[in-house]
C-alpha atoms as a PDB file:
ATOM      1  CA  UNK A   1       0.292  -0.175   0.182  1.00  0.00           C
ATOM      2  CA  UNK A   2       2.009   3.167  -1.267  1.00  0.00           C
ATOM      3  CA  UNK A   3       0.378   6.517  -0.776  1.00  0.00           C
ATOM      4  CA  UNK A   4       2.151   8.993  -2.825  1.00  0.00           C
ATOM      5  CA  UNK A   5      -0.606  11.628  -3.711  1.00  0.00           C
ATOM      6  CA  UNK A   6      -4.321  12.331  -3.384  1.00  0.00           C
ATOM      7  CA  UNK A   7      -5.261   9.851  -5.975  1.00  0.00           C
ATOM      8  CA  UNK A   8      -3.722   7.031  -4.424  1.00  0.00           C
ATOM      9  CA  UNK A   9      -5.257   7.893  -0.893  1.00  0.00           C
ATOM     10  CA  UNK A  10      -8.537   8.281  -2.897  1.00  0.00           C
ATOM     11  CA  UNK A  11      -8.348   4.648  -4.234  1.00  0.00           C
ATOM     12  CA  UNK A  12      -7.576   3.192  -1.043  1.00  0.00           C
ATOM     13  CA  UNK A  13     -10.368   5.161   0.570  1.00  0.00           C
ATOM     14  CA  UNK A  14     -12.815   3.869  -2.017  1.00  0.00           C
ATOM     15  CA  UNK A  15     -11.802   0.491  -1.912  1.00  0.00           C
ATOM     16  CA  UNK A  16     -12.003   0.638   1.832  1.00  0.00           C
ATOM     17  CA  UNK A  17     -15.331   2.071   2.740  1.00  0.00           C
ATOM     18  CA  UNK A  18     -17.019   1.243  -0.632  1.00  0.00           C
ATOM     19  CA  UNK A  19     -16.906   4.730  -2.253  1.00  0.00           C
ATOM     20  CA  UNK A  20     -16.510   6.217  -5.871  1.00  0.00           C
ATOM     21  CA  UNK A  21     -13.163   7.516  -6.290  1.00  0.00           C
ATOM     22  CA  UNK A  22     -14.599  10.660  -6.669  1.00  0.00           C
ATOM     23  CA  UNK A  23     -16.271  10.797  -3.712  1.00  0.00           C
ATOM     24  CA  UNK A  24     -13.400   9.788  -1.970  1.00  0.00           C
ATOM     25  CA  UNK A  25     -11.113  12.184  -3.590  1.00  0.00           C
ATOM     26  CA  UNK A  26     -13.801  14.813  -2.652  1.00  0.00           C
ATOM     27  CA  UNK A  27     -13.560  13.879   1.086  1.00  0.00           C
ATOM     28  CA  UNK A  28      -9.584  13.798   1.001  1.00  0.00           C
ATOM     29  CA  UNK A  29      -9.562  17.228  -0.525  1.00  0.00           C
ATOM     30  CA  UNK A  30     -12.004  18.889   1.811  1.00  0.00           C
ATOM     31  CA  UNK A  31      -9.847  17.318   4.689  1.00  0.00           C
ATOM     32  CA  UNK A  32      -6.777  19.167   3.432  1.00  0.00           C
ATOM     33  CA  UNK A  33      -8.861  22.418   2.487  1.00  0.00           C
ATOM     34  CA  UNK A  34     -10.216  22.480   6.237  1.00  0.00           C
ATOM     35  CA  UNK A  35      -6.329  21.793   7.387  1.00  0.00           C
ATOM     36  CA  UNK A  36      -5.184  24.798   5.147  1.00  0.00           C
ATOM     37  CA  UNK A  37      -7.743  26.950   6.208  1.00  0.00           C
ATOM     38  CA  UNK A  38      -7.375  26.543   9.916  1.00  0.00           C
ATOM     39  CA  UNK A  39      -3.445  27.079   9.749  1.00  0.00           C
ATOM     40  CA  UNK A  40      -4.299  30.318   7.341  1.00  0.00           C
ATOM     41  CA  UNK A  41      -6.394  31.530  10.232  1.00  0.00           C
ATOM     42  CA  UNK A  42      -3.362  30.939  12.505  1.00  0.00           C
ATOM     43  CA  UNK A  43      -4.933  27.923  14.377  1.00  0.00           C
ATOM     44  CA  UNK A  44      -3.154  24.610  15.375  1.00  0.00           C
ATOM     45  CA  UNK A  45      -4.275  21.439  13.716  1.00  0.00           C
ATOM     46  CA  UNK A  46      -3.463  18.540  16.197  1.00  0.00           C
ATOM     47  CA  UNK A  47      -4.184  15.121  14.625  1.00  0.00           C
ATOM     48  CA  UNK A  48      -4.387  12.109  16.943  1.00  0.00           C
ATOM     49  CA  UNK A  49      -1.454   9.617  16.455  1.00  0.00           C
ATOM     50  CA  UNK A  50       0.089  11.540  13.747  1.00  0.00           C
ATOM     51  CA  UNK A  51       0.924  14.975  14.783  1.00  0.00           C
ATOM     52  CA  UNK A  52       0.659  18.825  14.950  1.00  0.00           C
ATOM     53  CA  UNK A  53       0.556  21.365  12.505  1.00  0.00           C
ATOM     54  CA  UNK A  54       0.948  24.861  13.677  1.00  0.00           C
ATOM     55  CA  UNK A  55       2.203  28.423  12.277  1.00  0.00           C
ATOM     56  CA  UNK A  56       5.349  30.135  13.741  1.00  0.00           C
ATOM     57  CA  UNK A  57       6.518  33.743  13.323  1.00  0.00           C
ATOM     58  CA  UNK A  58       9.913  33.939  12.171  1.00  0.00           C
ATOM     59  CA  UNK A  59      11.379  37.316  13.022  1.00  0.00           C
ATOM     60  CA  UNK A  60      13.292  39.754  10.781  1.00  0.00           C
ATOM     61  CA  UNK A  61      16.791  39.211  10.874  1.00  0.00           C
ATOM     62  CA  UNK A  62      20.433  40.255   9.181  1.00  0.00           C
ATOM     63  CA  UNK A  63      21.903  37.773   6.722  1.00  0.00           C
ATOM     64  CA  UNK A  64      24.837  37.794   4.405  1.00  0.00           C
ATOM     65  CA  UNK A  65      24.530  36.961   0.246  1.00  0.00           C
ATOM     66  CA  UNK A  66      27.016  34.235   0.029  1.00  0.00           C
ATOM     67  CA  UNK A  67      28.010  35.247  -3.740  1.00  0.00           C
ATOM     68  CA  UNK A  68      28.447  39.081  -2.928  1.00  0.00           C
ATOM     69  CA  UNK A  69      29.008  38.855   0.863  1.00  0.00           C
ATOM     70  CA  UNK A  70      26.890  41.939   0.999  1.00  0.00           C
ATOM     71  CA  UNK A  71      24.591  42.330   4.249  1.00  0.00           C
ATOM     72  CA  UNK A  72      20.715  42.124   3.646  1.00  0.00           C
ATOM     73  CA  UNK A  73      17.785  42.455   5.851  1.00  0.00           C
ATOM     74  CA  UNK A  74      15.681  39.332   5.929  1.00  0.00           C
ATOM     75  CA  UNK A  75      12.194  40.335   6.341  1.00  0.00           C
ATOM     76  CA  UNK A  76       9.950  38.645   9.133  1.00  0.00           C
ATOM     77  CA  UNK A  77       7.786  35.743   7.774  1.00  0.00           C
ATOM     78  CA  UNK A  78       5.411  32.812   8.832  1.00  0.00           C
ATOM     79  CA  UNK A  79       6.685  29.270   8.731  1.00  0.00           C
ATOM     80  CA  UNK A  80       4.677  25.978   8.842  1.00  0.00           C
ATOM     81  CA  UNK A  81       5.741  23.569  11.438  1.00  0.00           C
ATOM     82  CA  UNK A  82       5.270  19.962  12.024  1.00  0.00           C
ATOM     83  CA  UNK A  83       5.596  18.175  15.066  1.00  0.00           C
ATOM     84  CA  UNK A  84       5.038  14.507  14.481  1.00  0.00           C
ATOM     85  CA  UNK A  85       3.353  12.546  17.357  1.00  0.00           C
ATOM     86  CA  UNK A  86       5.402   9.737  19.540  1.00  0.00           C
ATOM     87  CA  UNK A  87       2.794   7.076  17.976  1.00  0.00           C
ATOM     88  CA  UNK A  88       4.157   8.128  14.219  1.00  0.00           C
ATOM     89  CA  UNK A  89       7.733   8.695  15.433  1.00  0.00           C
ATOM     90  CA  UNK A  90       7.561   4.956  16.965  1.00  0.00           C
ATOM     91  CA  UNK A  91       6.347   3.622  13.452  1.00  0.00           C
ATOM     92  CA  UNK A  92       8.890   5.203  11.633  1.00  0.00           C
ATOM     93  CA  UNK A  93      11.662   3.924  13.875  1.00  0.00           C
END
């Protein structure tokens, strides 16, 4: 059972739960849309036995262009953070 994209997830979901591939695909896309929407609003998404997604503010800082060695200001930004659950960590090894 290899899951590499939404289509392969939809195929497995449709086989296991007697759904059409279209219905399965819509369910998966809806789930990812809900997760994306929550994260864009600054919320944390905690999926039991999988992990926690959150958005972290990375402050502005001074950096150096490696080619020219010129100092540049790097603006602040938001980054996506994923912290796997201990259950997932144990499955991976």
